[in-house]
Protein backbone atom coordinates (compact mmCIF):
# COMPACT_ATOMS: atom_id res chain seq x y z
CA MET A 1 -1.14 -30.13 -4.98
CA TYR A 2 -4.57 -31.02 -3.93
CA LYS A 3 -8.06 -29.77 -3.28
CA PHE A 4 -10.90 -30.91 -1.10
CA GLU A 5 -14.11 -32.10 -2.71
CA ASN A 6 -17.04 -33.42 -0.55
CA GLY A 7 -14.59 -33.65 2.35
CA LYS A 8 -12.21 -35.77 0.40
CA LYS A 9 -8.58 -34.81 -0.48
CA ILE A 10 -8.09 -35.06 -4.26
CA ASP A 11 -4.92 -34.39 -6.24
CA LEU A 12 -5.14 -31.62 -8.79
CA THR A 13 -4.93 -32.42 -12.44
CA GLU A 14 -2.08 -31.17 -14.56
CA SER A 15 -4.57 -28.56 -16.03
CA GLU A 16 -5.68 -27.40 -12.64
CA VAL A 17 -2.12 -27.05 -11.46
CA ALA A 18 -1.26 -25.06 -14.66
CA ASP A 19 -4.28 -22.83 -14.05
CA TYR A 20 -3.30 -22.20 -10.48
CA ASN A 21 0.34 -21.38 -11.39
CA ALA A 22 -0.87 -19.04 -14.12
CA LEU A 23 -3.12 -17.27 -11.61
CA GLN A 24 -0.22 -16.96 -9.10
CA LYS A 25 1.96 -15.45 -11.79
CA GLU A 26 -0.73 -13.02 -12.84
CA THR A 27 -1.25 -11.94 -9.30
CA GLU A 28 2.52 -11.43 -8.78
CA ASP A 29 2.86 -9.53 -12.09
CA PHE A 30 0.14 -7.02 -11.10
CA LYS A 31 1.38 -6.56 -7.50
CA PRO A 32 3.28 -3.36 -8.11
CA GLN A 33 0.34 -1.70 -9.90
CA LYS A 34 -2.04 -2.67 -7.03
CA GLN A 35 0.43 -1.37 -4.45
CA LEU A 36 0.92 1.91 -6.28
CA LYS A 37 -2.83 2.36 -6.43
CA LYS A 38 -3.00 1.85 -2.60
CA ILE A 39 -0.10 4.31 -2.09
CA LYS A 40 -1.81 6.92 -4.19
CA GLN A 41 -5.06 6.47 -2.38
CA GLU A 42 -3.23 6.94 0.99
CA ARG A 43 -1.43 9.97 -0.36
CA LEU A 44 -4.61 11.57 -1.65
CA GLN A 45 -6.35 11.07 1.71
CA ARG A 46 -3.48 12.75 3.53
CA LEU A 47 -3.46 15.64 1.11
CA ILE A 48 -7.17 16.08 1.54
CA GLU A 49 -6.78 16.06 5.32
CA THR A 50 -4.38 19.03 5.04
CA ASP A 51 -6.00 20.93 2.13
CA TYR A 52 -7.60 23.44 4.52
CA LEU A 53 -4.16 24.62 5.49
CA ALA A 54 -3.56 25.75 1.92
CA LEU A 55 -6.43 28.20 1.90
CA SER A 56 -5.55 31.79 1.43
CA ASP A 57 -6.53 32.82 4.99
CA ASN A 58 -4.01 30.42 6.50
CA THR A 59 -0.27 30.61 6.72
CA MET A 60 1.16 27.09 6.18
CA SER A 61 4.31 26.22 8.09
CA ASP A 62 7.39 25.24 6.12
CA GLU A 63 7.19 21.81 7.70
CA MET A 64 3.65 21.34 6.37
CA LYS A 65 4.67 22.61 2.93
CA THR A 66 7.49 20.07 2.89
CA TYR A 67 5.18 17.33 4.04
CA ARG A 68 2.61 18.05 1.32
CA GLN A 69 5.32 18.19 -1.36
CA SER A 70 6.80 14.90 -0.17
CA MET A 71 3.24 13.40 -0.53
CA ARG A 72 3.04 14.68 -4.15
CA ASP A 73 6.55 13.37 -4.91
CA ILE A 74 6.00 9.85 -3.74
CA PRO A 75 5.40 8.25 -7.15
CA GLN A 76 8.65 9.59 -8.58
CA ASP A 77 10.65 9.25 -5.39
CA TYR A 78 9.87 5.63 -4.69
CA SER A 79 10.17 2.77 -7.15
CA ALA A 80 8.30 -0.58 -7.07
CA ASP A 81 10.99 -2.19 -4.92
CA LYS A 82 10.09 0.22 -2.09
CA TYR A 83 6.35 -0.24 -2.21
CA ASP A 84 6.37 -2.93 0.52
CA GLU A 85 8.16 -0.55 2.82
CA LEU A 86 5.70 2.25 2.05
CA LEU A 87 2.71 0.00 2.81
CA ALA A 88 4.18 -1.72 5.98
CA ARG A 89 1.93 -1.45 8.97
CA GLU A 90 2.49 -1.76 12.71
CA THR A 91 1.79 -5.33 13.70
CA ASP A 92 2.38 -5.14 17.43
CA LYS A 93 -1.10 -5.16 18.99
CA THR A 94 0.18 -3.67 22.18
CA LYS A 95 1.28 -0.40 20.53
CA ALA A 96 -1.01 2.59 20.20
CA ASN A 97 -0.31 2.80 16.44
CA PHE A 98 -1.21 -0.76 15.68
CA GLY A 99 -2.36 -1.15 12.06
CA GLN A 100 -0.98 2.28 11.01
CA LEU A 101 1.56 2.75 8.27
CA THR A 102 5.05 2.81 9.73
CA HIS A 103 7.15 4.47 7.00
CA SER A 104 8.30 7.91 8.08
CA ILE A 105 6.98 9.53 4.85
CA TRP A 106 3.48 9.27 6.25
CA SER A 107 4.26 11.17 9.54
CA LYS A 108 2.65 14.54 9.66
CA PRO A 109 4.73 17.36 11.16
């Protein structure tokens, strides 16, 4: 491994390599917690967007009730090994939904 210093390529010391590896491990160890936080933020936003439908003067469709319940159930229904799928986004720039989450759980009725 190496770094650049003043435009020159310099090999990392054993200590720097150890520090880098420890940082990489720490990042990987906390990945599920960071992903779950993103998932919960997305879920909260989608629930907020549909909260008006739960007011007493509205009649919520069964599909919307199911959707909102599925949002609330995400943490217990999906384990850490599914977080990458839940956070996957459309990468094809030619599609209208470019950048949007692709997992079906996020699709509103």
